[in-house]
């Protein structure tokens, strides 16, 4: 527990520091996190680190996130589509010339991993450029959800939420997560004063949706880890696992917020 708290404090402080700095330094920081998370995904499938396909995927992730500050509006999605087209063509060329050392299954996995990782982190950069308050609202809601689920689950957990995916998660923990998130955003709104939404009802509704989606993102990553038979996505953060373990909720939430029109 002590190791988990210390690691969480240091990592959280570094993340918040770059978040407050914003601009291109935050884009570089977000790109670094995204590339490492992508590498953790490919490591789960045991694709060699220096495989041409993995390197091409890592480059695509970095380019996608780093370009986010320079592309606005509809042009952003058009750029992502073009980048993915180039990536899939490169991956298929690697399949052709690798003499079966790099197969279509691995190419497909890398392509999906690039999309799964790079789009949310690009949206995170866009959201930071639009509003520091909004990105803090989203992040605090997710952190409160994680903390509420952990402590409510340990204290009150009795009924399993999804035992076939994550045996330790409970219904009580899930409910506690939502309630903690709602309480956290009320405190956050009272502190920052600048309204995140037009009404308290909208604020709580958004927090509720983000909390539920964040838990879905956590379960989605748990399903991936269970499929590959690993406990954590990595070992970079002692007591927490890998970066993918820490950003799984945000990865799931941000594309949904984009579809809802909260991110442009």
Protein backbone atom coordinates (compact mmCIF):
# COMPACT_ATOMS: atom_id res chain seq x y z
CA UNK A 1 0.00 0.00 0.00
CA UNK A 2 2.81 2.43 0.94
CA UNK A 3 4.59 1.79 -2.36
CA UNK A 4 1.34 2.30 -4.25
CA UNK A 5 0.70 5.66 -2.54
CA UNK A 6 4.26 6.95 -3.04
CA UNK A 7 4.32 5.95 -6.72
CA UNK A 8 0.87 7.42 -7.28
CA UNK A 9 1.86 10.71 -5.67
CA UNK A 10 5.07 11.11 -7.69
CA UNK A 11 3.51 10.06 -11.01
CA UNK A 12 0.41 12.16 -10.38
CA UNK A 13 2.51 15.23 -9.54
CA UNK A 14 4.56 14.87 -12.74
CA UNK A 15 1.40 14.45 -14.82
CA UNK A 16 -0.28 17.47 -13.26
CA UNK A 17 2.85 19.58 -13.72
CA UNK A 18 2.88 18.93 -17.46
CA UNK A 19 -0.89 19.36 -17.58
CA UNK A 20 -0.62 22.85 -16.10
CA UNK A 21 2.30 23.74 -18.42
CA UNK A 22 0.22 22.65 -21.41
CA UNK A 23 1.13 23.54 -24.98
CA UNK A 24 3.81 21.50 -26.78
CA UNK A 25 5.59 20.25 -23.61
CA UNK A 26 2.37 18.48 -22.61
CA UNK A 27 2.03 17.08 -26.13
CA UNK A 28 5.53 15.58 -25.87
CA UNK A 29 4.70 14.16 -22.44
CA UNK A 30 1.40 12.70 -23.68
CA UNK A 31 3.13 11.23 -26.75
CA UNK A 32 5.73 9.54 -24.53
CA UNK A 33 2.99 8.00 -22.36
CA UNK A 34 1.09 6.87 -25.47
CA UNK A 35 4.15 5.22 -27.05
CA UNK A 36 4.99 3.36 -23.82
CA UNK A 37 1.36 2.23 -23.45
CA UNK A 38 1.44 1.01 -27.06
CA UNK A 39 4.67 -0.89 -26.37
CA UNK A 40 3.05 -2.50 -23.32
CA UNK A 41 0.18 -3.70 -25.51
CA UNK A 42 2.53 -5.24 -28.07
CA UNK A 43 4.65 -6.79 -25.31
CA UNK A 44 1.53 -8.61 -24.03
CA UNK A 45 1.30 -10.35 -27.39
CA UNK A 46 5.05 -11.00 -27.27
CA UNK A 47 5.80 -9.19 -30.53
CA UNK A 48 9.57 -8.39 -30.53
CA UNK A 49 10.30 -4.86 -29.32
CA UNK A 50 12.44 -3.98 -32.34
CA UNK A 51 10.11 -5.60 -34.88
CA UNK A 52 9.61 -3.29 -37.90
CA UNK A 53 5.87 -3.50 -37.33
CA UNK A 54 6.14 -2.39 -33.68
CA UNK A 55 8.51 0.45 -34.60
CA UNK A 56 6.15 1.59 -37.36
CA UNK A 57 3.25 1.50 -34.91
CA UNK A 58 5.18 3.43 -32.25
CA UNK A 59 6.10 6.07 -34.84
CA UNK A 60 2.45 6.37 -35.91
CA UNK A 61 1.36 6.84 -32.28
CA UNK A 62 3.99 9.52 -31.68
CA UNK A 63 3.18 11.41 -34.90
CA UNK A 64 -0.55 11.31 -34.21
CA UNK A 65 -0.25 12.72 -30.69
CA UNK A 66 2.46 15.27 -31.47
CA UNK A 67 0.51 16.64 -34.42
CA UNK A 68 -2.62 17.25 -32.33
CA UNK A 69 -1.75 20.86 -31.34
CA UNK A 70 -1.32 21.85 -34.99
CA UNK A 71 -4.53 20.38 -36.44
CA UNK A 72 -7.97 21.61 -35.42
CA UNK A 73 -11.57 20.72 -36.18
CA UNK A 74 -12.51 18.25 -38.94
CA UNK A 75 -8.92 18.28 -40.21
CA UNK A 76 -7.88 16.28 -37.15
CA UNK A 77 -10.00 13.24 -38.01
CA UNK A 78 -8.96 13.47 -41.66
CA UNK A 79 -5.32 13.42 -40.60
CA UNK A 80 -5.91 10.39 -38.34
CA UNK A 81 -7.59 8.51 -41.20
CA UNK A 82 -4.72 9.28 -43.60
CA UNK A 83 -2.17 8.24 -40.99
CA UNK A 84 -3.95 4.93 -40.39
CA UNK A 85 -4.14 4.26 -44.13
CA UNK A 86 -0.38 4.79 -44.44
CA UNK A 87 0.20 2.58 -41.40
CA UNK A 88 -1.85 -0.36 -42.64
CA UNK A 89 -0.11 -0.20 -46.04
CA UNK A 90 3.29 -0.17 -44.31
CA UNK A 91 2.31 -3.11 -42.09
CA UNK A 92 1.13 -5.13 -45.09
CA UNK A 93 4.40 -4.38 -46.88
CA UNK A 94 6.29 -5.65 -43.83
CA UNK A 95 4.16 -8.82 -43.93
CA UNK A 96 5.07 -9.35 -47.59
CA UNK A 97 8.82 -8.81 -47.20
CA UNK A 98 9.36 -10.44 -43.79
CA UNK A 99 9.10 -14.01 -45.13
CA UNK A 100 6.41 -14.99 -42.61
CA UNK A 101 8.37 -13.69 -39.62
CA UNK A 102 5.75 -10.94 -39.28
CA UNK A 103 2.22 -12.19 -39.92
CA UNK A 104 -1.15 -10.66 -40.75
CA UNK A 105 -2.43 -11.40 -37.24
CA UNK A 106 0.37 -9.33 -35.73
CA UNK A 107 -0.18 -6.56 -38.27
CA UNK A 108 -3.88 -6.44 -37.37
CA UNK A 109 -3.10 -6.35 -33.65
CA UNK A 110 -0.62 -3.49 -34.09
CA UNK A 111 -3.06 -1.53 -36.25
CA UNK A 112 -5.82 -1.86 -33.64
CA UNK A 113 -3.36 -1.00 -30.84
CA UNK A 114 -2.28 2.19 -32.63
CA UNK A 115 -5.91 3.27 -33.04
CA UNK A 116 -6.79 2.26 -29.45
CA UNK A 117 -3.91 4.27 -27.97
CA UNK A 118 -3.18 7.21 -30.27
CA UNK A 119 -6.71 8.57 -30.76
CA UNK A 120 -7.49 9.07 -27.03
CA UNK A 121 -4.13 10.71 -26.30
CA UNK A 122 -4.56 13.00 -29.30
CA UNK A 123 -7.98 13.95 -27.93
CA UNK A 124 -6.39 14.54 -24.52
CA UNK A 125 -4.01 17.07 -26.07
CA UNK A 126 -6.91 18.75 -27.90
CA UNK A 127 -8.95 18.91 -24.70
CA UNK A 128 -6.03 20.48 -22.82
CA UNK A 129 -5.65 23.13 -25.52
CA UNK A 130 -9.35 23.95 -25.27
CA UNK A 131 -9.68 24.16 -21.49
CA UNK A 132 -7.51 23.26 -18.51
CA UNK A 133 -10.57 23.28 -16.26
CA UNK A 134 -12.42 20.76 -18.44
CA UNK A 135 -9.50 18.35 -18.69
CA UNK A 136 -9.02 18.58 -14.90
CA UNK A 137 -12.73 17.85 -14.45
CA UNK A 138 -12.44 14.70 -16.59
CA UNK A 139 -9.22 13.56 -14.93
CA UNK A 140 -10.41 14.17 -11.37
CA UNK A 141 -13.65 12.30 -12.10
CA UNK A 142 -11.61 9.31 -13.30
CA UNK A 143 -9.17 9.43 -10.38
CA UNK A 144 -12.05 9.69 -7.90
CA UNK A 145 -13.75 6.75 -9.64
CA UNK A 146 -10.60 4.61 -9.32
CA UNK A 147 -10.08 5.53 -5.66
CA UNK A 148 -13.74 5.06 -4.77
CA UNK A 149 -13.85 1.65 -6.44
CA UNK A 150 -10.68 0.52 -4.66
CA UNK A 151 -11.64 1.55 -1.14
CA UNK A 152 -15.38 0.80 -1.37
CA UNK A 153 -14.54 -2.60 -2.84
CA UNK A 154 -12.08 -3.42 -0.04
CA UNK A 155 -14.44 -2.32 2.73
CA UNK A 156 -17.89 -3.22 1.42
CA UNK A 157 -17.30 -5.52 -1.54
CA UNK A 158 -19.42 -8.69 -1.47
CA UNK A 159 -20.99 -9.22 -4.88
CA UNK A 160 -18.75 -9.75 -7.91
CA UNK A 161 -19.15 -7.31 -10.79
CA UNK A 162 -17.48 -9.27 -13.61
CA UNK A 163 -15.78 -12.35 -12.14
CA UNK A 164 -14.97 -13.78 -15.59
CA UNK A 165 -12.86 -10.70 -16.34
CA UNK A 166 -11.75 -9.19 -13.03
CA UNK A 167 -12.53 -11.31 -9.93
CA UNK A 168 -11.67 -8.55 -7.44
CA UNK A 169 -14.10 -5.94 -8.77
CA UNK A 170 -17.45 -5.77 -6.97
CA UNK A 171 -20.83 -4.13 -7.47
CA UNK A 172 -20.37 -2.31 -4.17
CA UNK A 173 -17.04 -0.98 -5.41
CA UNK A 174 -18.66 0.21 -8.63
CA UNK A 175 -21.41 2.06 -6.78
CA UNK A 176 -18.85 3.55 -4.40
CA UNK A 177 -16.82 4.67 -7.40
CA UNK A 178 -19.74 6.62 -8.88
CA UNK A 179 -20.66 8.23 -5.55
CA UNK A 180 -17.04 9.23 -4.92
CA UNK A 181 -16.81 10.74 -8.40
CA UNK A 182 -19.99 12.77 -7.89
CA UNK A 183 -18.73 14.07 -4.54
CA UNK A 184 -15.32 14.91 -6.03
CA UNK A 185 -16.74 16.98 -8.91
CA UNK A 186 -18.98 18.94 -6.55
CA UNK A 187 -15.91 19.86 -4.50
CA UNK A 188 -13.94 20.59 -7.67
CA UNK A 189 -16.64 22.90 -9.03
CA UNK A 190 -16.88 24.72 -5.69
CA UNK A 191 -13.11 25.27 -5.66
CA UNK A 192 -12.55 26.37 -9.26
CA UNK A 193 -15.76 28.46 -9.38
CA UNK A 194 -15.44 28.84 -13.15
CA UNK A 195 -18.44 26.79 -14.37
CA UNK A 196 -17.54 23.62 -16.25
CA UNK A 197 -21.17 23.18 -17.35
CA UNK A 198 -24.20 25.45 -17.48
CA UNK A 199 -25.89 23.78 -14.48
CA UNK A 200 -25.15 21.52 -11.53
CA UNK A 201 -27.39 18.90 -13.10
CA UNK A 202 -25.26 18.81 -16.25
CA UNK A 203 -22.11 18.63 -14.12
CA UNK A 204 -23.38 15.60 -12.18
CA UNK A 205 -24.74 13.92 -15.32
CA UNK A 206 -21.37 14.29 -17.07
CA UNK A 207 -19.53 12.98 -14.00
CA UNK A 208 -21.89 9.99 -13.82
CA UNK A 209 -21.32 9.13 -17.49
CA UNK A 210 -17.53 9.53 -17.20
CA UNK A 211 -17.43 7.38 -14.06
CA UNK A 212 -19.40 4.55 -15.70
CA UNK A 213 -17.37 4.74 -18.92
CA UNK A 214 -14.14 4.85 -16.93
CA UNK A 215 -15.07 1.60 -15.23
CA UNK A 216 -15.87 0.10 -18.61
CA UNK A 217 -12.43 1.09 -19.83
CA UNK A 218 -10.87 -0.57 -16.79
CA UNK A 219 -12.82 -3.76 -17.48
CA UNK A 220 -11.89 -3.67 -21.17
CA UNK A 221 -8.20 -3.57 -20.30
CA UNK A 222 -8.72 -6.31 -17.71
CA UNK A 223 -10.24 -8.46 -20.47
CA UNK A 224 -7.16 -7.88 -22.65
CA UNK A 225 -4.81 -8.79 -19.80
CA UNK A 226 -6.81 -11.89 -18.91
CA UNK A 227 -6.71 -13.02 -22.55
CA UNK A 228 -2.92 -12.79 -22.55
CA UNK A 229 -2.58 -14.16 -19.03
CA UNK A 230 -0.82 -11.17 -17.45
CA UNK A 231 -1.57 -9.40 -14.16
CA UNK A 232 -0.32 -5.93 -15.15
CA UNK A 233 0.40 -4.28 -18.48
CA UNK A 234 3.92 -3.44 -17.32
CA UNK A 235 6.20 -2.74 -14.37
CA UNK A 236 7.07 0.92 -14.90
CA UNK A 237 4.97 2.11 -11.94
CA UNK A 238 5.68 0.02 -8.80
CA UNK A 239 2.43 -0.84 -7.05
CA UNK A 240 0.37 0.25 -10.05
CA UNK A 241 1.68 -1.80 -12.97
CA UNK A 242 2.22 -0.15 -16.34
CA UNK A 243 1.11 3.11 -17.89
CA UNK A 244 -1.71 1.34 -19.70
CA UNK A 245 -3.05 0.26 -16.30
CA UNK A 246 -3.17 3.91 -15.19
CA UNK A 247 -4.71 5.35 -18.36
CA UNK A 248 -7.13 2.58 -19.33
CA UNK A 249 -10.16 4.57 -18.15
CA UNK A 250 -9.11 7.77 -19.89
CA UNK A 251 -8.45 5.82 -23.11
CA UNK A 252 -12.05 4.61 -23.10
CA UNK A 253 -13.67 7.87 -21.94
CA UNK A 254 -12.16 10.44 -24.32
CA UNK A 255 -13.43 8.99 -27.64
CA UNK A 256 -16.93 8.85 -26.15
CA UNK A 257 -16.67 12.49 -25.05
CA UNK A 258 -15.61 13.32 -28.61
CA UNK A 259 -18.71 11.60 -29.98
CA UNK A 260 -20.80 13.54 -27.43
CA UNK A 261 -19.33 16.81 -28.70
CA UNK A 262 -17.38 17.68 -25.53
CA UNK A 263 -14.11 17.63 -27.48
CA UNK A 264 -13.81 19.31 -30.87
